[in-house]
């Protein structure tokens, strides 16, 4: 039995109500990240599936569902762009943390 069914409160201020959040999701088409976290942490998996299906039906009607696995394999972290926001790159190939994957290492990551 979940928190919503037993009447338990997540904290002393607000009782968790999957039904209230579900109603808001159905009526407005969106919920806050905090409400989404509440559902994730306290709802039954089947209830989450039904809610996700209903939202998907609103956004993309029909029975065809597709998924995309997006991969961006970084074969090296050596870069000469020197972007001020990037904490990933290393400026030289002789830097102790720099790498360049071999073709065999790339094949393993692709699989």
C-alpha atoms as a PDB file:
ATOM      1  CA  UNK A   1       0.000   0.000   0.000  1.00  0.00           C
ATOM      2  CA  UNK A   2       1.414   3.371  -1.049  1.00  0.00           C
ATOM      3  CA  UNK A   3       1.494   6.572   0.968  1.00  0.00           C
ATOM      4  CA  UNK A   4      -1.567   7.927  -0.839  1.00  0.00           C
ATOM      5  CA  UNK A   5      -3.635   4.845  -0.044  1.00  0.00           C
ATOM      6  CA  UNK A   6      -2.686   4.706   3.631  1.00  0.00           C
ATOM      7  CA  UNK A   7      -3.105   8.434   4.238  1.00  0.00           C
ATOM      8  CA  UNK A   8       0.539   8.756   5.295  1.00  0.00           C
ATOM      9  CA  UNK A   9       2.121  12.149   4.925  1.00  0.00           C
ATOM     10  CA  UNK A  10       5.478  12.671   3.257  1.00  0.00           C
ATOM     11  CA  UNK A  11       6.161  15.458   5.712  1.00  0.00           C
ATOM     12  CA  UNK A  12       4.158  17.229   8.366  1.00  0.00           C
ATOM     13  CA  UNK A  13       3.004  20.001   6.014  1.00  0.00           C
ATOM     14  CA  UNK A  14       1.597  18.355   2.863  1.00  0.00           C
ATOM     15  CA  UNK A  15      -0.054  14.969   2.439  1.00  0.00           C
ATOM     16  CA  UNK A  16       0.905  13.171  -0.736  1.00  0.00           C
ATOM     17  CA  UNK A  17      -2.017  12.783  -3.100  1.00  0.00           C
ATOM     18  CA  UNK A  18      -1.354  10.850  -6.282  1.00  0.00           C
ATOM     19  CA  UNK A  19      -4.963  11.418  -7.267  1.00  0.00           C
ATOM     20  CA  UNK A  20      -4.672  15.197  -6.950  1.00  0.00           C
ATOM     21  CA  UNK A  21      -1.433  15.278  -8.924  1.00  0.00           C
ATOM     22  CA  UNK A  22      -2.891  12.900 -11.532  1.00  0.00           C
ATOM     23  CA  UNK A  23      -5.962  15.117 -11.888  1.00  0.00           C
ATOM     24  CA  UNK A  24      -3.749  18.170 -12.372  1.00  0.00           C
ATOM     25  CA  UNK A  25      -1.686  16.311 -14.967  1.00  0.00           C
ATOM     26  CA  UNK A  26      -4.777  15.249 -16.909  1.00  0.00           C
ATOM     27  CA  UNK A  27      -6.409  18.695 -16.763  1.00  0.00           C
ATOM     28  CA  UNK A  28      -3.367  20.881 -17.475  1.00  0.00           C
ATOM     29  CA  UNK A  29      -1.064  18.485 -19.314  1.00  0.00           C
ATOM     30  CA  UNK A  30       1.839  19.225 -17.013  1.00  0.00           C
ATOM     31  CA  UNK A  31       2.966  19.101 -13.409  1.00  0.00           C
ATOM     32  CA  UNK A  32       5.880  20.589 -11.511  1.00  0.00           C
ATOM     33  CA  UNK A  33       9.159  18.749 -11.113  1.00  0.00           C
ATOM     34  CA  UNK A  34       8.366  18.385  -7.402  1.00  0.00           C
ATOM     35  CA  UNK A  35       5.023  16.777  -8.184  1.00  0.00           C
ATOM     36  CA  UNK A  36       6.682  14.469 -10.711  1.00  0.00           C
ATOM     37  CA  UNK A  37       9.173  13.432  -8.040  1.00  0.00           C
ATOM     38  CA  UNK A  38       6.313  12.760  -5.620  1.00  0.00           C
ATOM     39  CA  UNK A  39       4.647  10.502  -8.178  1.00  0.00           C
ATOM     40  CA  UNK A  40       7.914   8.728  -8.937  1.00  0.00           C
ATOM     41  CA  UNK A  41       8.733   8.114  -5.284  1.00  0.00           C
ATOM     42  CA  UNK A  42       5.263   7.209  -4.000  1.00  0.00           C
ATOM     43  CA  UNK A  43       3.081   5.875  -6.799  1.00  0.00           C
ATOM     44  CA  UNK A  44       2.656   2.341  -7.996  1.00  0.00           C
ATOM     45  CA  UNK A  45       4.435   1.534 -11.252  1.00  0.00           C
ATOM     46  CA  UNK A  46       1.160   0.675 -12.981  1.00  0.00           C
ATOM     47  CA  UNK A  47      -0.271   4.088 -12.089  1.00  0.00           C
ATOM     48  CA  UNK A  48       2.805   5.822 -13.514  1.00  0.00           C
ATOM     49  CA  UNK A  49       2.455   3.782 -16.692  1.00  0.00           C
ATOM     50  CA  UNK A  50      -1.188   4.767 -17.119  1.00  0.00           C
ATOM     51  CA  UNK A  51      -0.377   8.450 -16.565  1.00  0.00           C
ATOM     52  CA  UNK A  52       2.546   8.333 -19.005  1.00  0.00           C
ATOM     53  CA  UNK A  53       0.394   6.590 -21.611  1.00  0.00           C
ATOM     54  CA  UNK A  54      -2.361   9.182 -21.243  1.00  0.00           C
ATOM     55  CA  UNK A  55       0.070  12.088 -21.617  1.00  0.00           C
ATOM     56  CA  UNK A  56       1.645  10.425 -24.656  1.00  0.00           C
ATOM     57  CA  UNK A  57      -1.810   9.931 -26.205  1.00  0.00           C
ATOM     58  CA  UNK A  58      -2.480  13.648 -25.776  1.00  0.00           C
ATOM     59  CA  UNK A  59       0.837  14.641 -27.339  1.00  0.00           C
ATOM     60  CA  UNK A  60       1.137  11.901 -29.990  1.00  0.00           C
ATOM     61  CA  UNK A  61      -2.171  10.125 -30.595  1.00  0.00           C
ATOM     62  CA  UNK A  62      -2.248   6.580 -31.911  1.00  0.00           C
ATOM     63  CA  UNK A  63      -0.783   3.223 -31.136  1.00  0.00           C
ATOM     64  CA  UNK A  64       2.648   3.576 -32.732  1.00  0.00           C
ATOM     65  CA  UNK A  65       5.335   4.305 -30.151  1.00  0.00           C
ATOM     66  CA  UNK A  66       8.997   4.695 -31.017  1.00  0.00           C
ATOM     67  CA  UNK A  67      12.092   5.285 -28.974  1.00  0.00           C
ATOM     68  CA  UNK A  68      15.431   6.744 -29.938  1.00  0.00           C
ATOM     69  CA  UNK A  69      18.724   5.858 -28.363  1.00  0.00           C
ATOM     70  CA  UNK A  70      20.940   8.851 -28.939  1.00  0.00           C
ATOM     71  CA  UNK A  71      24.626   8.167 -28.573  1.00  0.00           C
ATOM     72  CA  UNK A  72      27.433  10.621 -28.845  1.00  0.00           C
ATOM     73  CA  UNK A  73      30.614   8.668 -28.317  1.00  0.00           C
ATOM     74  CA  UNK A  74      33.530  10.908 -27.524  1.00  0.00           C
ATOM     75  CA  UNK A  75      36.528   9.263 -29.146  1.00  0.00           C
ATOM     76  CA  UNK A  76      38.856  11.866 -27.689  1.00  0.00           C
ATOM     77  CA  UNK A  77      38.844  14.681 -25.171  1.00  0.00           C
ATOM     78  CA  UNK A  78      41.699  16.560 -26.833  1.00  0.00           C
ATOM     79  CA  UNK A  79      40.482  19.883 -28.214  1.00  0.00           C
ATOM     80  CA  UNK A  80      42.008  23.166 -29.269  1.00  0.00           C
ATOM     81  CA  UNK A  81      38.867  25.341 -29.117  1.00  0.00           C
ATOM     82  CA  UNK A  82      39.516  26.413 -25.518  1.00  0.00           C
ATOM     83  CA  UNK A  83      35.846  27.096 -24.753  1.00  0.00           C
ATOM     84  CA  UNK A  84      35.475  28.862 -21.424  1.00  0.00           C
ATOM     85  CA  UNK A  85      32.451  26.752 -20.403  1.00  0.00           C
ATOM     86  CA  UNK A  86      33.859  23.281 -21.182  1.00  0.00           C
ATOM     87  CA  UNK A  87      35.234  21.249 -18.322  1.00  0.00           C
ATOM     88  CA  UNK A  88      35.547  18.111 -20.448  1.00  0.00           C
ATOM     89  CA  UNK A  89      38.382  18.782 -22.871  1.00  0.00           C
ATOM     90  CA  UNK A  90      42.114  18.548 -22.365  1.00  0.00           C
ATOM     91  CA  UNK A  91      44.285  21.028 -24.292  1.00  0.00           C
ATOM     92  CA  UNK A  92      47.062  18.691 -25.441  1.00  0.00           C
ATOM     93  CA  UNK A  93      47.440  15.070 -26.430  1.00  0.00           C
ATOM     94  CA  UNK A  94      50.293  14.744 -23.914  1.00  0.00           C
ATOM     95  CA  UNK A  95      48.098  15.960 -21.022  1.00  0.00           C
ATOM     96  CA  UNK A  96      47.932  13.205 -18.350  1.00  0.00           C
ATOM     97  CA  UNK A  97      44.108  13.040 -18.574  1.00  0.00           C
ATOM     98  CA  UNK A  98      43.797  13.147 -22.356  1.00  0.00           C
ATOM     99  CA  UNK A  99      42.651  10.110 -24.322  1.00  0.00           C
ATOM    100  CA  UNK A 100      42.071   8.905 -27.848  1.00  0.00           C
ATOM    101  CA  UNK A 101      40.054   5.712 -28.216  1.00  0.00           C
ATOM    102  CA  UNK A 102      41.287   3.012 -30.543  1.00  0.00           C
ATOM    103  CA  UNK A 103      38.975   1.511 -33.170  1.00  0.00           C
ATOM    104  CA  UNK A 104      38.567  -1.574 -30.981  1.00  0.00           C
ATOM    105  CA  UNK A 105      37.574   0.579 -27.976  1.00  0.00           C
ATOM    106  CA  UNK A 106      35.063   2.418 -30.197  1.00  0.00           C
ATOM    107  CA  UNK A 107      33.550  -0.897 -31.364  1.00  0.00           C
ATOM    108  CA  UNK A 108      33.056  -1.962 -27.742  1.00  0.00           C
ATOM    109  CA  UNK A 109      31.279   1.325 -26.914  1.00  0.00           C
ATOM    110  CA  UNK A 110      29.058   1.018 -29.999  1.00  0.00           C
ATOM    111  CA  UNK A 111      27.912  -2.497 -29.096  1.00  0.00           C
END
